[in-house]
Amino acid sequence: MRAGEYLGAIDYPGRIAAAGYGKNGEPVLLYAITGRSSNSRNRVFRLENGVLRTEPYDPSKVEDPSLIIYNAMRYAGETTVLTNGDQTDTIADFLNEGKSLEEALVTRTYEPDDPNFTPRISITHSASGYTLSIIRKSGDETERRIYSYGVENGVMHMIHTYMHDGSPLPSFEGLPARLETLSSADELLNDAWNAIAEDRRISVYVRYGSEERIMNAMEESNG
């Protein structure tokens, strides 16, 4: 199944993260943010010196930057860290100190956005495999799960924060989705972008081998 087929069946996935390997073993990453509020939608992706971050499109309209402005991707040696929040820095710093992903995750919890308590989803990706993890609220507990995968050409796994729209928003459940990586950065970017409802799109980032692509809704809609 393509990413577009999978995402097209979900009315509101929230933030989306996927990792895997291309048809010839190229590293593949995808990160997308969707949103409903004007505060959430007032964002773009910026990539500089290997760091992918969210930035306000119009700084004068920012209401609360605490959960929407962060480094989404950083490197820790040969490992890429990609997440939906400021736990990117936590994980990268722990790995750079020789500590484990598990040690990093145990210091963090889900987002404090009552009543949704949005999960924190994270990826670590290297030449030998990748992990997807989720930290979510489960009753009065903080549940932390890690899913590890080896190298399999043409395959990636995707996780997202919400199962669908709702009030409160229901957290992701089940296993990460197994999907095709398609054949290029542009093909994967367009497939995911076109599957997301136009009124929910914010930004999509794709890495496919050495190629990186970004699409920002605010810049598309404003020429």
N, C-alpha and C. Protein backbone atom coordinates (compact mmCIF):
# COMPACT_ATOMS: atom_id res chain seq x y z
N MET A 1 0.83 -1.20 0.00
CA MET A 1 0.00 0.00 0.00
C MET A 1 0.87 1.25 0.00
N ARG A 2 0.48 2.25 -0.77
CA ARG A 2 1.19 3.53 -0.79
C ARG A 2 0.79 4.37 0.44
N ALA A 3 1.66 5.33 0.78
CA ALA A 3 1.35 6.26 1.86
C ALA A 3 0.07 7.01 1.57
N GLY A 4 -0.11 7.42 0.30
CA GLY A 4 -1.30 8.17 -0.06
C GLY A 4 -2.58 7.37 0.14
N GLU A 5 -2.54 6.10 -0.20
CA GLU A 5 -3.71 5.25 0.00
C GLU A 5 -4.05 5.15 1.49
N TYR A 6 -3.02 4.97 2.29
CA TYR A 6 -3.22 4.83 3.73
C TYR A 6 -3.74 6.13 4.34
N LEU A 7 -3.08 7.26 4.04
CA LEU A 7 -3.46 8.53 4.63
C LEU A 7 -4.79 9.03 4.11
N GLY A 8 -5.13 8.68 2.89
CA GLY A 8 -6.39 9.12 2.31
C GLY A 8 -7.61 8.59 3.04
N ALA A 9 -7.43 7.53 3.81
CA ALA A 9 -8.54 6.92 4.54
C ALA A 9 -8.67 7.47 5.96
N ILE A 10 -7.80 8.42 6.35
CA ILE A 10 -7.81 8.96 7.70
C ILE A 10 -8.18 10.44 7.63
N ASP A 11 -9.26 10.85 8.27
CA ASP A 11 -9.69 12.23 8.14
C ASP A 11 -8.80 13.22 8.88
N TYR A 12 -8.14 12.76 9.95
CA TYR A 12 -7.23 13.66 10.65
C TYR A 12 -6.15 12.85 11.36
N PRO A 13 -5.00 12.62 10.71
CA PRO A 13 -3.92 11.82 11.32
C PRO A 13 -3.05 12.60 12.29
N GLY A 14 -3.19 13.94 12.33
CA GLY A 14 -2.32 14.75 13.19
C GLY A 14 -0.93 14.87 12.58
N ARG A 15 0.09 14.55 13.35
CA ARG A 15 1.46 14.53 12.83
C ARG A 15 1.82 13.12 12.40
N ILE A 16 2.58 13.02 11.32
CA ILE A 16 2.83 11.76 10.63
C ILE A 16 4.33 11.56 10.49
N ALA A 17 4.81 10.36 10.83
CA ALA A 17 6.25 10.07 10.69
C ALA A 17 6.43 8.68 10.11
N ALA A 18 7.36 8.55 9.17
CA ALA A 18 7.62 7.25 8.55
C ALA A 18 9.10 7.12 8.24
N ALA A 19 9.59 5.87 8.26
CA ALA A 19 10.99 5.59 7.95
C ALA A 19 11.09 4.25 7.25
N GLY A 20 12.14 4.10 6.45
CA GLY A 20 12.38 2.83 5.78
C GLY A 20 13.54 2.96 4.82
N TYR A 21 13.48 2.16 3.76
CA TYR A 21 14.55 2.15 2.75
C TYR A 21 13.94 2.09 1.36
N GLY A 22 14.59 2.78 0.42
CA GLY A 22 14.11 2.83 -0.94
C GLY A 22 14.35 1.53 -1.70
N LYS A 23 13.98 1.56 -2.98
CA LYS A 23 14.07 0.36 -3.81
C LYS A 23 15.49 -0.20 -3.88
N ASN A 24 16.48 0.69 -3.76
CA ASN A 24 17.88 0.26 -3.84
C ASN A 24 18.61 0.45 -2.51
N GLY A 25 17.86 0.47 -1.43
CA GLY A 25 18.46 0.58 -0.11
C GLY A 25 18.70 1.99 0.38
N GLU A 26 18.18 2.98 -0.33
CA GLU A 26 18.36 4.37 0.10
C GLU A 26 17.59 4.63 1.40
N PRO A 27 18.15 5.43 2.31
CA PRO A 27 17.39 5.79 3.51
C PRO A 27 16.19 6.65 3.13
N VAL A 28 15.05 6.35 3.70
CA VAL A 28 13.83 7.10 3.41
C VAL A 28 13.21 7.58 4.71
N LEU A 29 12.85 8.85 4.75
CA LEU A 29 12.14 9.44 5.88
C LEU A 29 11.00 10.32 5.37
N LEU A 30 9.93 10.36 6.10
CA LEU A 30 8.82 11.25 5.79
C LEU A 30 8.30 11.81 7.10
N TYR A 31 8.08 13.13 7.12
CA TYR A 31 7.45 13.76 8.27
C TYR A 31 6.44 14.77 7.76
N ALA A 32 5.22 14.73 8.28
CA ALA A 32 4.18 15.65 7.85
C ALA A 32 3.41 16.15 9.05
N ILE A 33 3.01 17.40 8.99
CA ILE A 33 2.16 17.96 10.04
C ILE A 33 0.86 18.44 9.41
N THR A 34 -0.23 18.13 10.08
CA THR A 34 -1.55 18.59 9.67
C THR A 34 -2.14 19.35 10.85
N GLY A 35 -3.13 20.17 10.61
CA GLY A 35 -3.68 20.95 11.70
C GLY A 35 -5.05 21.51 11.39
N ARG A 36 -5.73 21.93 12.47
CA ARG A 36 -7.07 22.50 12.35
C ARG A 36 -7.12 23.96 12.76
N SER A 37 -6.40 24.33 13.82
CA SER A 37 -6.47 25.70 14.33
C SER A 37 -5.57 26.64 13.52
N SER A 38 -5.87 27.93 13.59
CA SER A 38 -5.05 28.92 12.88
C SER A 38 -3.65 28.97 13.47
N ASN A 39 -3.51 28.74 14.78
CA ASN A 39 -2.19 28.73 15.41
C ASN A 39 -1.35 27.58 14.88
N SER A 40 -1.96 26.42 14.74
CA SER A 40 -1.25 25.25 14.23
C SER A 40 -0.90 25.40 12.76
N ARG A 41 -1.82 25.97 11.98
CA ARG A 41 -1.62 26.05 10.54
C ARG A 41 -0.64 27.16 10.13
N ASN A 42 -0.33 28.05 11.05
CA ASN A 42 0.60 29.14 10.78
C ASN A 42 2.05 28.67 10.93
N ARG A 43 2.40 27.60 10.17
CA ARG A 43 3.75 27.04 10.29
C ARG A 43 4.28 26.61 8.93
N VAL A 44 5.61 26.58 8.85
CA VAL A 44 6.31 26.04 7.68
C VAL A 44 7.50 25.24 8.18
N PHE A 45 7.99 24.34 7.32
CA PHE A 45 9.23 23.62 7.58
C PHE A 45 10.40 24.42 7.02
N ARG A 46 11.50 24.41 7.76
CA ARG A 46 12.76 24.98 7.28
C ARG A 46 13.86 23.94 7.53
N LEU A 47 14.75 23.76 6.57
CA LEU A 47 15.86 22.80 6.67
C LEU A 47 17.17 23.56 6.51
N GLU A 48 18.03 23.44 7.51
CA GLU A 48 19.31 24.14 7.48
C GLU A 48 20.35 23.34 8.23
N ASN A 49 21.48 23.06 7.57
CA ASN A 49 22.59 22.33 8.18
C ASN A 49 22.15 21.01 8.79
N GLY A 50 21.27 20.31 8.09
CA GLY A 50 20.83 19.01 8.53
C GLY A 50 19.77 19.01 9.61
N VAL A 51 19.31 20.18 10.02
CA VAL A 51 18.27 20.30 11.05
C VAL A 51 16.97 20.74 10.39
N LEU A 52 15.93 19.93 10.56
CA LEU A 52 14.59 20.29 10.09
C LEU A 52 13.84 20.87 11.27
N ARG A 53 13.28 22.05 11.10
CA ARG A 53 12.55 22.67 12.21
C ARG A 53 11.24 23.28 11.71
N THR A 54 10.33 23.49 12.63
CA THR A 54 9.11 24.22 12.31
C THR A 54 9.32 25.68 12.67
N GLU A 55 8.76 26.55 11.86
CA GLU A 55 8.83 27.99 12.11
C GLU A 55 7.47 28.61 11.83
N PRO A 56 7.12 29.71 12.51
CA PRO A 56 5.87 30.39 12.18
C PRO A 56 5.98 31.05 10.82
N TYR A 57 4.93 30.92 10.02
CA TYR A 57 4.91 31.62 8.73
C TYR A 57 4.76 33.12 8.95
N ASP A 58 3.88 33.48 9.86
CA ASP A 58 3.67 34.88 10.23
C ASP A 58 3.87 35.00 11.74
N PRO A 59 5.07 35.43 12.20
CA PRO A 59 5.35 35.48 13.64
C PRO A 59 4.35 36.32 14.42
N SER A 60 3.73 37.30 13.79
CA SER A 60 2.80 38.18 14.51
C SER A 60 1.51 37.47 14.90
N LYS A 61 1.25 36.31 14.29
CA LYS A 61 0.01 35.58 14.55
C LYS A 61 0.19 34.39 15.49
N VAL A 62 1.41 34.21 16.01
CA VAL A 62 1.65 33.08 16.91
C VAL A 62 0.94 33.31 18.23
N GLU A 63 0.13 32.33 18.65
CA GLU A 63 -0.60 32.41 19.91
C GLU A 63 0.14 31.69 21.03
N ASP A 64 0.58 30.46 20.77
CA ASP A 64 1.29 29.66 21.77
C ASP A 64 2.31 28.79 21.05
N PRO A 65 3.60 29.14 21.14
CA PRO A 65 4.62 28.39 20.40
C PRO A 65 5.08 27.10 21.09
N SER A 66 4.62 26.83 22.30
CA SER A 66 5.24 25.80 23.14
C SER A 66 5.23 24.40 22.52
N LEU A 67 4.15 24.03 21.83
CA LEU A 67 4.07 22.67 21.28
C LEU A 67 4.12 22.63 19.76
N ILE A 68 4.27 23.79 19.12
CA ILE A 68 4.23 23.79 17.66
C ILE A 68 5.55 24.22 17.01
N ILE A 69 6.46 24.81 17.79
CA ILE A 69 7.75 25.24 17.24
C ILE A 69 8.85 24.40 17.88
N TYR A 70 9.60 23.65 17.05
CA TYR A 70 10.59 22.72 17.60
C TYR A 70 11.51 22.23 16.48
N ASN A 71 12.63 21.63 16.86
CA ASN A 71 13.47 20.90 15.92
C ASN A 71 12.83 19.54 15.67
N ALA A 72 12.44 19.28 14.43
CA ALA A 72 11.80 18.00 14.11
C ALA A 72 12.83 16.93 13.76
N MET A 73 14.00 17.33 13.25
CA MET A 73 15.01 16.34 12.84
C MET A 73 16.40 16.85 13.14
N ARG A 74 17.21 15.96 13.71
CA ARG A 74 18.62 16.24 13.97
C ARG A 74 19.42 14.97 13.75
N TYR A 75 20.73 15.13 13.64
CA TYR A 75 21.63 13.98 13.56
C TYR A 75 22.28 13.74 14.91
N ALA A 76 22.49 12.46 15.21
CA ALA A 76 23.29 12.05 16.37
C ALA A 76 24.31 11.07 15.82
N GLY A 77 25.47 11.56 15.45
CA GLY A 77 26.45 10.73 14.76
C GLY A 77 25.90 10.29 13.42
N GLU A 78 25.84 8.98 13.17
CA GLU A 78 25.32 8.44 11.92
C GLU A 78 23.82 8.14 11.99
N THR A 79 23.21 8.46 13.11
CA THR A 79 21.78 8.20 13.30
C THR A 79 20.97 9.48 13.10
N THR A 80 19.87 9.37 12.36
CA THR A 80 18.95 10.49 12.21
C THR A 80 17.84 10.34 13.23
N VAL A 81 17.54 11.44 13.91
CA VAL A 81 16.44 11.48 14.88
C VAL A 81 15.35 12.38 14.31
N LEU A 82 14.13 11.87 14.25
CA LEU A 82 13.00 12.61 13.71
C LEU A 82 11.82 12.43 14.64
N THR A 83 11.22 13.53 15.12
CA THR A 83 10.10 13.41 16.05
C THR A 83 9.07 14.52 15.82
N ASN A 84 7.97 14.43 16.57
CA ASN A 84 6.92 15.42 16.44
C ASN A 84 6.96 16.49 17.52
N GLY A 85 8.12 16.65 18.17
CA GLY A 85 8.21 17.67 19.22
C GLY A 85 9.63 17.87 19.70
N ASP A 86 9.76 18.55 20.84
CA ASP A 86 11.10 18.87 21.31
C ASP A 86 11.84 17.68 21.90
N GLN A 87 11.19 16.49 21.88
CA GLN A 87 11.95 15.29 22.27
C GLN A 87 13.02 14.93 21.25
N THR A 88 12.98 15.56 20.07
CA THR A 88 14.08 15.41 19.11
C THR A 88 15.41 15.74 19.80
N ASP A 89 15.44 16.86 20.51
CA ASP A 89 16.66 17.29 21.19
C ASP A 89 17.03 16.34 22.32
N THR A 90 16.02 15.88 23.06
CA THR A 90 16.28 14.94 24.15
C THR A 90 16.94 13.67 23.62
N ILE A 91 16.36 13.09 22.58
CA ILE A 91 16.88 11.82 22.04
C ILE A 91 18.27 12.02 21.44
N ALA A 92 18.44 13.07 20.63
CA ALA A 92 19.74 13.31 20.01
C ALA A 92 20.82 13.55 21.06
N ASP A 93 20.50 14.31 22.09
CA ASP A 93 21.48 14.58 23.14
C ASP A 93 21.85 13.29 23.88
N PHE A 94 20.88 12.45 24.20
CA PHE A 94 21.17 11.19 24.87
C PHE A 94 22.04 10.29 24.00
N LEU A 95 21.71 10.17 22.72
CA LEU A 95 22.51 9.32 21.83
C LEU A 95 23.92 9.86 21.69
N ASN A 96 24.06 11.17 21.61
CA ASN A 96 25.40 11.76 21.50
C ASN A 96 26.23 11.54 22.77
N GLU A 97 25.55 11.30 23.89
CA GLU A 97 26.24 11.02 25.15
C GLU A 97 26.49 9.53 25.34
N GLY A 98 26.16 8.72 24.32
CA GLY A 98 26.36 7.29 24.41
C GLY A 98 25.27 6.55 25.15
N LYS A 99 24.16 7.22 25.41
CA LYS A 99 23.03 6.59 26.09
C LYS A 99 22.05 6.04 25.07
N SER A 100 21.03 5.34 25.53
CA SER A 100 20.12 4.64 24.63
C SER A 100 18.84 5.43 24.37
N LEU A 101 18.13 5.01 23.34
CA LEU A 101 16.82 5.58 23.05
C LEU A 101 15.88 5.37 24.24
N GLU A 102 15.91 4.17 24.82
CA GLU A 102 15.04 3.87 25.96
C GLU A 102 15.30 4.83 27.12
N GLU A 103 16.58 5.11 27.37
CA GLU A 103 16.91 6.04 28.45
C GLU A 103 16.37 7.43 28.17
N ALA A 104 16.37 7.83 26.90
CA ALA A 104 15.85 9.15 26.54
C ALA A 104 14.34 9.19 26.70
N LEU A 105 13.66 8.16 26.21
CA LEU A 105 12.19 8.18 26.22
C LEU A 105 11.62 8.16 27.63
N VAL A 106 12.31 7.50 28.56
CA VAL A 106 11.76 7.39 29.91
C VAL A 106 11.76 8.75 30.62
N THR A 107 12.49 9.72 30.10
CA THR A 107 12.50 11.06 30.70
C THR A 107 11.38 11.94 30.17
N ARG A 108 10.64 11.45 29.19
CA ARG A 108 9.60 12.26 28.55
C ARG A 108 8.23 11.62 28.70
N THR A 109 7.20 12.44 28.55
CA THR A 109 5.83 11.96 28.60
C THR A 109 5.06 12.54 27.42
N TYR A 110 3.79 12.24 27.34
CA TYR A 110 2.95 12.76 26.26
C TYR A 110 2.79 14.27 26.41
N GLU A 111 2.26 14.92 25.39
CA GLU A 111 2.12 16.37 25.43
C GLU A 111 1.01 16.77 26.41
N PRO A 112 1.17 17.89 27.09
CA PRO A 112 0.21 18.31 28.13
C PRO A 112 -0.97 19.10 27.58
N ASP A 113 -1.49 18.69 26.43
CA ASP A 113 -2.58 19.43 25.79
C ASP A 113 -3.94 18.80 26.13
N ASP A 114 -4.29 18.84 27.39
CA ASP A 114 -5.57 18.33 27.87
C ASP A 114 -6.71 18.95 27.03
N PRO A 115 -7.68 18.18 26.51
CA PRO A 115 -7.97 16.78 26.83
C PRO A 115 -7.39 15.77 25.84
N ASN A 116 -6.60 16.24 24.84
CA ASN A 116 -6.11 15.32 23.81
C ASN A 116 -4.92 14.50 24.27
N PHE A 117 -4.04 15.11 25.08
CA PHE A 117 -2.82 14.45 25.53
C PHE A 117 -2.13 13.79 24.33
N THR A 118 -1.77 14.63 23.36
CA THR A 118 -1.20 14.15 22.11
C THR A 118 0.05 13.29 22.35
N PRO A 119 0.10 12.12 21.71
CA PRO A 119 1.29 11.27 21.86
C PRO A 119 2.54 11.93 21.28
N ARG A 120 3.67 11.53 21.81
CA ARG A 120 4.95 11.91 21.21
C ARG A 120 5.42 10.71 20.37
N ILE A 121 5.61 10.95 19.07
CA ILE A 121 6.08 9.90 18.17
C ILE A 121 7.50 10.25 17.72
N SER A 122 8.35 9.24 17.62
CA SER A 122 9.77 9.46 17.33
C SER A 122 10.33 8.36 16.44
N ILE A 123 11.35 8.73 15.68
CA ILE A 123 12.06 7.79 14.80
C ILE A 123 13.55 7.95 15.02
N THR A 124 14.27 6.83 15.06
CA THR A 124 15.72 6.84 14.89
C THR A 124 16.02 5.96 13.68
N HIS A 125 16.92 6.43 12.81
CA HIS A 125 17.15 5.76 11.52
C HIS A 125 18.64 5.72 11.24
N SER A 126 19.14 4.55 10.88
CA SER A 126 20.55 4.40 10.53
C SER A 126 20.68 3.43 9.37
N ALA A 127 21.91 3.14 8.99
CA ALA A 127 22.15 2.23 7.86
C ALA A 127 21.76 0.79 8.19
N SER A 128 21.63 0.46 9.48
CA SER A 128 21.36 -0.93 9.88
C SER A 128 19.93 -1.18 10.30
N GLY A 129 19.09 -0.15 10.33
CA GLY A 129 17.71 -0.34 10.73
C GLY A 129 17.11 0.93 11.31
N TYR A 130 15.90 0.82 11.80
CA TYR A 130 15.23 2.00 12.33
C TYR A 130 14.23 1.59 13.41
N THR A 131 13.89 2.57 14.24
CA THR A 131 12.87 2.36 15.26
C THR A 131 11.81 3.44 15.14
N LEU A 132 10.58 3.07 15.44
CA LEU A 132 9.49 4.01 15.65
C LEU A 132 9.04 3.85 17.08
N SER A 133 8.78 4.95 17.75
CA SER A 133 8.33 4.86 19.13
C SER A 133 7.16 5.81 19.36
N ILE A 134 6.38 5.49 20.39
CA ILE A 134 5.25 6.34 20.77
C ILE A 134 5.16 6.41 22.28
N ILE A 135 4.93 7.60 22.78
CA ILE A 135 4.67 7.82 24.21
C ILE A 135 3.25 8.36 24.29
N ARG A 136 2.36 7.63 24.96
CA ARG A 136 0.96 8.07 25.00
C ARG A 136 0.36 7.83 26.38
N LYS A 137 -0.73 8.52 26.63
CA LYS A 137 -1.46 8.37 27.89
C LYS A 137 -2.32 7.12 27.82
N SER A 138 -2.25 6.30 28.86
CA SER A 138 -3.07 5.11 28.94
C SER A 138 -3.65 5.05 30.35
N GLY A 139 -4.88 5.56 30.51
CA GLY A 139 -5.43 5.71 31.85
C GLY A 139 -4.61 6.69 32.65
N ASP A 140 -4.13 6.27 33.79
CA ASP A 140 -3.27 7.12 34.62
C ASP A 140 -1.79 6.86 34.37
N GLU A 141 -1.49 5.99 33.40
CA GLU A 141 -0.11 5.61 33.12
C GLU A 141 0.42 6.32 31.88
N THR A 142 1.75 6.38 31.79
CA THR A 142 2.42 6.81 30.57
C THR A 142 2.96 5.56 29.88
N GLU A 143 2.44 5.27 28.71
CA GLU A 143 2.82 4.07 27.97
C GLU A 143 3.87 4.42 26.93
N ARG A 144 4.96 3.67 26.93
CA ARG A 144 6.04 3.89 25.97
C ARG A 144 6.27 2.60 25.19
N ARG A 145 6.14 2.69 23.86
CA ARG A 145 6.35 1.51 23.03
C ARG A 145 7.37 1.81 21.94
N ILE A 146 8.21 0.83 21.65
CA ILE A 146 9.23 0.95 20.61
C ILE A 146 9.07 -0.19 19.62
N TYR A 147 9.09 0.14 18.34
CA TYR A 147 8.98 -0.84 17.26
C TYR A 147 10.27 -0.79 16.44
N SER A 148 10.98 -1.91 16.35
CA SER A 148 12.28 -1.93 15.67
C SER A 148 12.20 -2.73 14.38
N TYR A 149 12.87 -2.23 13.34
CA TYR A 149 12.83 -2.86 12.02
C TYR A 149 14.24 -2.89 11.43
N GLY A 150 14.52 -3.94 10.67
CA GLY A 150 15.79 -4.04 9.96
C GLY A 150 15.67 -3.46 8.56
N VAL A 151 16.69 -3.69 7.78
CA VAL A 151 16.72 -3.16 6.40
C VAL A 151 15.88 -4.06 5.50
N GLU A 152 14.92 -3.47 4.83
CA GLU A 152 14.10 -4.17 3.84
C GLU A 152 13.82 -3.18 2.71
N ASN A 153 14.45 -3.39 1.59
CA ASN A 153 14.33 -2.43 0.49
C ASN A 153 12.89 -2.30 0.01
N GLY A 154 12.49 -1.05 -0.26
CA GLY A 154 11.16 -0.78 -0.79
C GLY A 154 10.06 -0.71 0.25
N VAL A 155 10.43 -0.78 1.54
CA VAL A 155 9.43 -0.82 2.61
C VAL A 155 9.70 0.27 3.63
N MET A 156 8.63 0.90 4.12
CA MET A 156 8.74 1.81 5.24
C MET A 156 7.57 1.56 6.19
N HIS A 157 7.70 2.06 7.41
CA HIS A 157 6.64 1.95 8.40
C HIS A 157 6.24 3.35 8.86
N MET A 158 4.94 3.54 9.04
CA MET A 158 4.40 4.87 9.37
C MET A 158 3.61 4.81 10.67
N ILE A 159 3.75 5.90 11.43
CA ILE A 159 3.00 6.08 12.66
C ILE A 159 2.46 7.51 12.64
N HIS A 160 1.39 7.78 13.37
CA HIS A 160 0.84 9.14 13.42
C HIS A 160 0.20 9.35 14.79
N THR A 161 -0.10 10.58 15.12
CA THR A 161 -0.53 10.87 16.48
C THR A 161 -1.98 10.49 16.76
N TYR A 162 -2.86 10.65 15.76
CA TYR A 162 -4.29 10.40 15.99
C TYR A 162 -4.83 9.35 15.04
N MET A 163 -5.83 8.61 15.51
CA MET A 163 -6.48 7.61 14.67
C MET A 163 -7.45 8.26 13.68
N HIS A 164 -8.10 9.33 14.13
CA HIS A 164 -9.05 10.07 13.30
C HIS A 164 -9.47 11.32 14.05
N ASP A 165 -10.31 12.12 13.44
CA ASP A 165 -10.81 13.33 14.09
C ASP A 165 -11.70 12.95 15.27
N GLY A 166 -11.89 13.88 16.20
CA GLY A 166 -12.73 13.61 17.34
C GLY A 166 -12.52 14.63 18.43
N SER A 167 -13.30 14.51 19.49
CA SER A 167 -13.17 15.42 20.63
C SER A 167 -13.43 14.63 21.91
N PRO A 168 -12.36 14.27 22.66
CA PRO A 168 -10.96 14.55 22.35
C PRO A 168 -10.45 13.68 21.21
N LEU A 169 -9.28 14.06 20.69
CA LEU A 169 -8.69 13.32 19.59
C LEU A 169 -8.17 11.97 20.08
N PRO A 170 -8.54 10.87 19.42
CA PRO A 170 -8.09 9.54 19.86
C PRO A 170 -6.65 9.26 19.44
N SER A 171 -5.82 8.85 20.39
CA SER A 171 -4.41 8.57 20.12
C SER A 171 -4.25 7.36 19.20
N PHE A 172 -3.13 7.35 18.48
CA PHE A 172 -2.79 6.23 17.61
C PHE A 172 -2.77 4.93 18.41
N GLU A 173 -3.30 3.87 17.80
CA GLU A 173 -3.29 2.55 18.40
C GLU A 173 -2.85 1.51 17.37
N GLY A 174 -2.39 0.37 17.85
CA GLY A 174 -1.99 -0.70 16.96
C GLY A 174 -0.55 -0.59 16.53
N LEU A 175 -0.21 -1.36 15.47
CA LEU A 175 1.16 -1.37 14.96
C LEU A 175 1.35 -0.31 13.88
N PRO A 176 2.59 0.17 13.70
CA PRO A 176 2.86 1.07 12.58
C PRO A 176 2.47 0.41 11.26
N ALA A 177 1.99 1.23 10.32
CA ALA A 177 1.55 0.72 9.03
C ALA A 177 2.74 0.39 8.14
N ARG A 178 2.71 -0.76 7.49
CA ARG A 178 3.75 -1.17 6.55
C ARG A 178 3.36 -0.67 5.16
N LEU A 179 4.24 0.13 4.54
CA LEU A 179 3.91 0.80 3.29
C LEU A 179 5.05 0.71 2.30
N GLU A 180 4.75 1.00 1.03
CA GLU A 180 5.77 1.08 -0.01
C GLU A 180 6.49 2.42 0.07
N THR A 181 7.77 2.43 -0.30
CA THR A 181 8.52 3.68 -0.32
C THR A 181 8.45 4.40 -1.66
N LEU A 182 7.84 3.77 -2.67
CA LEU A 182 7.77 4.33 -4.03
C LEU A 182 9.18 4.49 -4.59
N SER A 183 9.37 5.34 -5.60
CA SER A 183 10.63 5.31 -6.35
C SER A 183 11.48 6.55 -6.26
N SER A 184 10.96 7.64 -5.67
CA SER A 184 11.75 8.87 -5.61
C SER A 184 11.19 9.79 -4.54
N ALA A 185 11.97 10.81 -4.18
CA ALA A 185 11.53 11.79 -3.20
C ALA A 185 10.29 12.52 -3.70
N ASP A 186 10.29 12.92 -4.95
CA ASP A 186 9.15 13.66 -5.49
C ASP A 186 7.89 12.82 -5.52
N GLU A 187 8.02 11.55 -5.88
CA GLU A 187 6.86 10.68 -5.94
C GLU A 187 6.27 10.47 -4.55
N LEU A 188 7.12 10.25 -3.56
CA LEU A 188 6.64 10.04 -2.20
C LEU A 188 6.03 11.32 -1.63
N LEU A 189 6.68 12.46 -1.88
CA LEU A 189 6.16 13.74 -1.40
C LEU A 189 4.77 14.02 -1.97
N ASN A 190 4.62 13.90 -3.27
CA ASN A 190 3.35 14.20 -3.91
C ASN A 190 2.26 13.22 -3.49
N ASP A 191 2.64 11.97 -3.32
CA ASP A 191 1.68 10.95 -2.91
C ASP A 191 1.10 11.28 -1.54
N ALA A 192 1.96 11.65 -0.59
CA ALA A 192 1.49 11.99 0.75
C ALA A 192 0.74 13.32 0.75
N TRP A 193 1.29 14.30 0.09
CA TRP A 193 0.69 15.65 0.07
C TRP A 193 -0.74 15.61 -0.48
N ASN A 194 -0.92 14.94 -1.59
CA ASN A 194 -2.23 14.91 -2.24
C ASN A 194 -3.26 14.11 -1.46
N ALA A 195 -2.80 13.24 -0.57
CA ALA A 195 -3.72 12.42 0.22
C ALA A 195 -4.28 13.16 1.43
N ILE A 196 -3.59 14.21 1.86
CA ILE A 196 -4.02 14.96 3.03
C ILE A 196 -5.07 15.99 2.63
N ALA A 197 -6.15 16.08 3.36
CA ALA A 197 -7.20 17.04 3.05
C ALA A 197 -6.63 18.45 2.95
N GLU A 198 -7.06 19.19 1.94
CA GLU A 198 -6.47 20.50 1.67
C GLU A 198 -6.60 21.45 2.85
N ASP A 199 -7.70 21.36 3.60
CA ASP A 199 -7.89 22.26 4.73
C ASP A 199 -7.15 21.81 5.99
N ARG A 200 -6.40 20.71 5.88
CA ARG A 200 -5.62 20.21 7.02
C ARG A 200 -4.12 20.25 6.74
N ARG A 201 -3.73 20.38 5.48
CA ARG A 201 -2.31 20.36 5.12
C ARG A 201 -1.57 21.52 5.77
N ILE A 202 -0.37 21.21 6.27
CA ILE A 202 0.54 22.26 6.74
C ILE A 202 1.88 22.11 6.02
N SER A 203 2.61 21.02 6.31
CA SER A 203 3.92 20.82 5.69
C SER A 203 4.23 19.33 5.57
N VAL A 204 5.01 19.00 4.54
CA VAL A 204 5.52 17.64 4.35
C VAL A 204 7.00 17.72 4.02
N TYR A 205 7.78 16.86 4.67
CA TYR A 205 9.22 16.72 4.39
C TYR A 205 9.49 15.28 3.98
N VAL A 206 10.33 15.09 2.95
CA VAL A 206 10.73 13.76 2.51
C VAL A 206 12.23 13.74 2.27
N ARG A 207 12.87 12.66 2.75
CA ARG A 207 14.24 12.36 2.34
C ARG A 207 14.22 11.01 1.64
N TYR A 208 14.86 10.95 0.48
CA TYR A 208 14.96 9.68 -0.26
C TYR A 208 16.40 9.60 -0.76
N GLY A 209 17.22 8.83 -0.06
CA GLY A 209 18.64 8.83 -0.38
C GLY A 209 19.24 10.18 -0.04
N SER A 210 19.90 10.81 -1.00
CA SER A 210 20.50 12.13 -0.78
C SER A 210 19.56 13.26 -1.15
N GLU A 211 18.37 12.94 -1.65
CA GLU A 211 17.41 13.96 -2.07
C GLU A 211 16.47 14.32 -0.92
N GLU A 212 16.27 15.62 -0.71
CA GLU A 212 15.34 16.10 0.31
C GLU A 212 14.36 17.07 -0.33
N ARG A 213 13.10 16.97 0.09
CA ARG A 213 12.04 17.82 -0.45
C ARG A 213 11.16 18.33 0.68
N ILE A 214 10.67 19.56 0.52
CA ILE A 214 9.74 20.17 1.46
C ILE A 214 8.61 20.82 0.69
N MET A 215 7.40 20.69 1.19
CA MET A 215 6.26 21.42 0.66
C MET A 215 5.52 22.04 1.83
N ASN A 216 5.28 23.36 1.76
CA ASN A 216 4.59 24.11 2.80
C ASN A 216 3.30 24.70 2.25
N ALA A 217 2.19 24.42 2.90
CA ALA A 217 0.89 24.90 2.43
C ALA A 217 0.80 26.43 2.41
N MET A 218 1.35 27.07 3.42
CA MET A 218 1.25 28.54 3.49
C MET A 218 1.97 29.18 2.30
N GLU A 219 3.08 28.60 1.89
CA GLU A 219 3.81 29.17 0.77
C GLU A 219 3.17 28.80 -0.56
N GLU A 220 2.54 27.62 -0.62
CA GLU A 220 1.82 27.24 -1.83
C GLU A 220 0.62 28.16 -2.04
N SER A 221 -0.13 28.42 -0.96
CA SER A 221 -1.35 29.21 -1.08
C SER A 221 -1.07 30.69 -1.27
N ASN A 222 0.14 31.11 -0.92
CA ASN A 222 0.48 32.53 -1.07
C ASN A 222 1.49 32.76 -2.18
N GLY A 223 1.50 31.85 -3.12
CA GLY A 223 2.34 32.01 -4.32
C GLY A 223 3.77 31.65 -4.11
